[in-house]
Amino acid sequence: MLEIVKAPTSILSQKAKPVVKIDKSILGLIEEMKGALENSTDPIGVGLAASQVNKNLQIFIAKPTPAPKFYTFINPKILKTSKKQEVKKAKVK
């Protein structure tokens, strides 16, 4: 099983390389990443980047709900940004 690396591991601050070809090794890595994310408990994971498992590639997966569906992103691009930020204040009890 893949081990999730922790800061200050140097790969976490490097620019990840694009995936050139989606082959068996990339598909296998994605499956292993899903297993690592499923097994993370401290904290429970909702997303995982390839660099977090010591692979310098532009891949990340997300599982934002307990449902078994994963979302896989390969070579993602930010197409639009906004300077507007919304800040929500926490309620104090």
C-alpha atoms as a PDB file:
ATOM      1  CA  MET A   1       0.000   0.000   0.000  1.00  0.00           C
ATOM      2  CA  LEU A   2       1.126   3.553  -0.705  1.00  0.00           C
ATOM      3  CA  GLU A   3       2.330   5.626   2.214  1.00  0.00           C
ATOM      4  CA  ILE A   4       1.076   9.195   2.498  1.00  0.00           C
ATOM      5  CA  VAL A   5       4.057  11.498   3.035  1.00  0.00           C
ATOM      6  CA  LYS A   6       3.996  14.387   5.479  1.00  0.00           C
ATOM      7  CA  ALA A   7       5.515  17.867   5.402  1.00  0.00           C
ATOM      8  CA  PRO A   8       8.308  18.871   5.127  1.00  0.00           C
ATOM      9  CA  THR A   9       8.945  16.191   2.447  1.00  0.00           C
ATOM     10  CA  SER A  10      10.524  18.018  -0.505  1.00  0.00           C
ATOM     11  CA  ILE A  11       8.228  16.542  -3.184  1.00  0.00           C
ATOM     12  CA  LEU A  12       5.310  18.441  -1.637  1.00  0.00           C
ATOM     13  CA  SER A  13       6.881  21.761  -2.664  1.00  0.00           C
ATOM     14  CA  GLN A  14       7.864  20.752  -6.201  1.00  0.00           C
ATOM     15  CA  LYS A  15       5.860  21.480  -9.336  1.00  0.00           C
ATOM     16  CA  ALA A  16       4.313  18.200 -10.467  1.00  0.00           C
ATOM     17  CA  LYS A  17       4.959  16.906 -13.971  1.00  0.00           C
ATOM     18  CA  PRO A  18       2.119  16.358 -16.449  1.00  0.00           C
ATOM     19  CA  VAL A  19       1.002  12.855 -17.283  1.00  0.00           C
ATOM     20  CA  VAL A  20       2.043  12.174 -20.885  1.00  0.00           C
ATOM     21  CA  LYS A  21       0.295   8.837 -21.400  1.00  0.00           C
ATOM     22  CA  ILE A  22      -2.414   7.089 -19.422  1.00  0.00           C
ATOM     23  CA  ASP A  23      -1.164   3.520 -19.327  1.00  0.00           C
ATOM     24  CA  LYS A  24      -1.338   0.541 -16.957  1.00  0.00           C
ATOM     25  CA  SER A  25       1.157   2.108 -14.537  1.00  0.00           C
ATOM     26  CA  ILE A  26      -0.903   5.326 -14.240  1.00  0.00           C
ATOM     27  CA  LEU A  27      -4.155   3.397 -13.850  1.00  0.00           C
ATOM     28  CA  GLY A  28      -2.483   1.203 -11.224  1.00  0.00           C
ATOM     29  CA  LEU A  29      -1.227   4.280  -9.364  1.00  0.00           C
ATOM     30  CA  ILE A  30      -4.745   5.730  -9.321  1.00  0.00           C
ATOM     31  CA  GLU A  31      -6.136   2.485  -7.883  1.00  0.00           C
ATOM     32  CA  GLU A  32      -3.416   2.451  -5.213  1.00  0.00           C
ATOM     33  CA  MET A  33      -4.182   6.101  -4.394  1.00  0.00           C
ATOM     34  CA  LYS A  34      -7.860   5.200  -3.951  1.00  0.00           C
ATOM     35  CA  GLY A  35      -6.844   2.481  -1.483  1.00  0.00           C
ATOM     36  CA  ALA A  36      -4.589   4.881   0.430  1.00  0.00           C
ATOM     37  CA  LEU A  37      -7.365   7.466   0.623  1.00  0.00           C
ATOM     38  CA  GLU A  38      -9.929   4.883   1.734  1.00  0.00           C
ATOM     39  CA  ASN A  39      -7.599   3.693   4.502  1.00  0.00           C
ATOM     40  CA  SER A  40      -6.606   7.134   5.799  1.00  0.00           C
ATOM     41  CA  THR A  41      -8.147   7.686   9.206  1.00  0.00           C
ATOM     42  CA  ASP A  42      -6.060  10.376  10.864  1.00  0.00           C
ATOM     43  CA  PRO A  43      -7.625  12.495   9.463  1.00  0.00           C
ATOM     44  CA  ILE A  44     -10.239  10.849   7.261  1.00  0.00           C
ATOM     45  CA  GLY A  45      -9.290  11.792   3.725  1.00  0.00           C
ATOM     46  CA  VAL A  46     -11.471  13.412   1.082  1.00  0.00           C
ATOM     47  CA  GLY A  47      -8.742  14.061  -1.482  1.00  0.00           C
ATOM     48  CA  LEU A  48      -5.236  12.947  -2.344  1.00  0.00           C
ATOM     49  CA  ALA A  49      -2.612  14.234  -4.781  1.00  0.00           C
ATOM     50  CA  ALA A  50       0.019  12.011  -6.377  1.00  0.00           C
ATOM     51  CA  SER A  51       2.736  14.106  -4.737  1.00  0.00           C
ATOM     52  CA  GLN A  52       1.310  13.094  -1.351  1.00  0.00           C
ATOM     53  CA  VAL A  53       2.225   9.498  -2.174  1.00  0.00           C
ATOM     54  CA  ASN A  54       5.688  10.518  -3.387  1.00  0.00           C
ATOM     55  CA  LYS A  55       4.832  10.535  -7.117  1.00  0.00           C
ATOM     56  CA  ASN A  56       5.678  13.766  -8.927  1.00  0.00           C
ATOM     57  CA  LEU A  57       2.687  13.706 -11.306  1.00  0.00           C
ATOM     58  CA  GLN A  58      -0.299  15.978 -11.962  1.00  0.00           C
ATOM     59  CA  ILE A  59      -2.942  13.600 -10.633  1.00  0.00           C
ATOM     60  CA  PHE A  60      -5.357  13.953  -7.766  1.00  0.00           C
ATOM     61  CA  ILE A  61      -8.403  12.079  -6.611  1.00  0.00           C
ATOM     62  CA  ALA A  62     -11.347  13.233  -4.531  1.00  0.00           C
ATOM     63  CA  LYS A  63     -14.067  11.472  -2.599  1.00  0.00           C
ATOM     64  CA  PRO A  64     -16.074  14.264  -0.984  1.00  0.00           C
ATOM     65  CA  THR A  65     -18.841  12.050   0.413  1.00  0.00           C
ATOM     66  CA  PRO A  66     -19.001   8.607   2.035  1.00  0.00           C
ATOM     67  CA  ALA A  67     -20.486   7.257  -1.230  1.00  0.00           C
ATOM     68  CA  PRO A  68     -18.127   4.882  -3.060  1.00  0.00           C
ATOM     69  CA  LYS A  69     -17.656   7.285  -6.017  1.00  0.00           C
ATOM     70  CA  PHE A  70     -14.192   8.751  -6.633  1.00  0.00           C
ATOM     71  CA  TYR A  71     -13.361  11.658  -8.929  1.00  0.00           C
ATOM     72  CA  THR A  72     -10.021  11.462 -10.737  1.00  0.00           C
ATOM     73  CA  PHE A  73      -8.236  14.512 -12.176  1.00  0.00           C
ATOM     74  CA  ILE A  74      -5.265  14.180 -14.510  1.00  0.00           C
ATOM     75  CA  ASN A  75      -3.346  17.283 -15.659  1.00  0.00           C
ATOM     76  CA  PRO A  76      -5.950  19.683 -14.230  1.00  0.00           C
ATOM     77  CA  LYS A  77      -5.919  23.326 -15.341  1.00  0.00           C
ATOM     78  CA  ILE A  78      -7.286  26.367 -13.517  1.00  0.00           C
ATOM     79  CA  LEU A  79      -9.372  28.152 -16.142  1.00  0.00           C
ATOM     80  CA  LYS A  80     -10.747  31.005 -14.100  1.00  0.00           C
ATOM     81  CA  THR A  81      -9.944  32.674 -10.817  1.00  0.00           C
ATOM     82  CA  SER A  82     -11.701  35.278  -8.737  1.00  0.00           C
ATOM     83  CA  LYS A  83     -10.355  37.802  -6.268  1.00  0.00           C
ATOM     84  CA  LYS A  84     -13.626  37.718  -4.332  1.00  0.00           C
ATOM     85  CA  GLN A  85     -13.465  35.629  -1.198  1.00  0.00           C
ATOM     86  CA  GLU A  86     -16.311  34.690   1.050  1.00  0.00           C
ATOM     87  CA  VAL A  87     -15.582  34.420   4.749  1.00  0.00           C
ATOM     88  CA  LYS A  88     -18.062  32.700   7.020  1.00  0.00           C
ATOM     89  CA  LYS A  89     -17.906  33.348  10.718  1.00  0.00           C
ATOM     90  CA  ALA A  90     -18.184  30.386  13.048  1.00  0.00           C
ATOM     91  CA  LYS A  91     -20.981  30.426  15.583  1.00  0.00           C
ATOM     92  CA  VAL A  92     -19.743  30.441  19.147  1.00  0.00           C
ATOM     93  CA  LYS A  93     -21.829  28.480  21.617  1.00  0.00           C
END
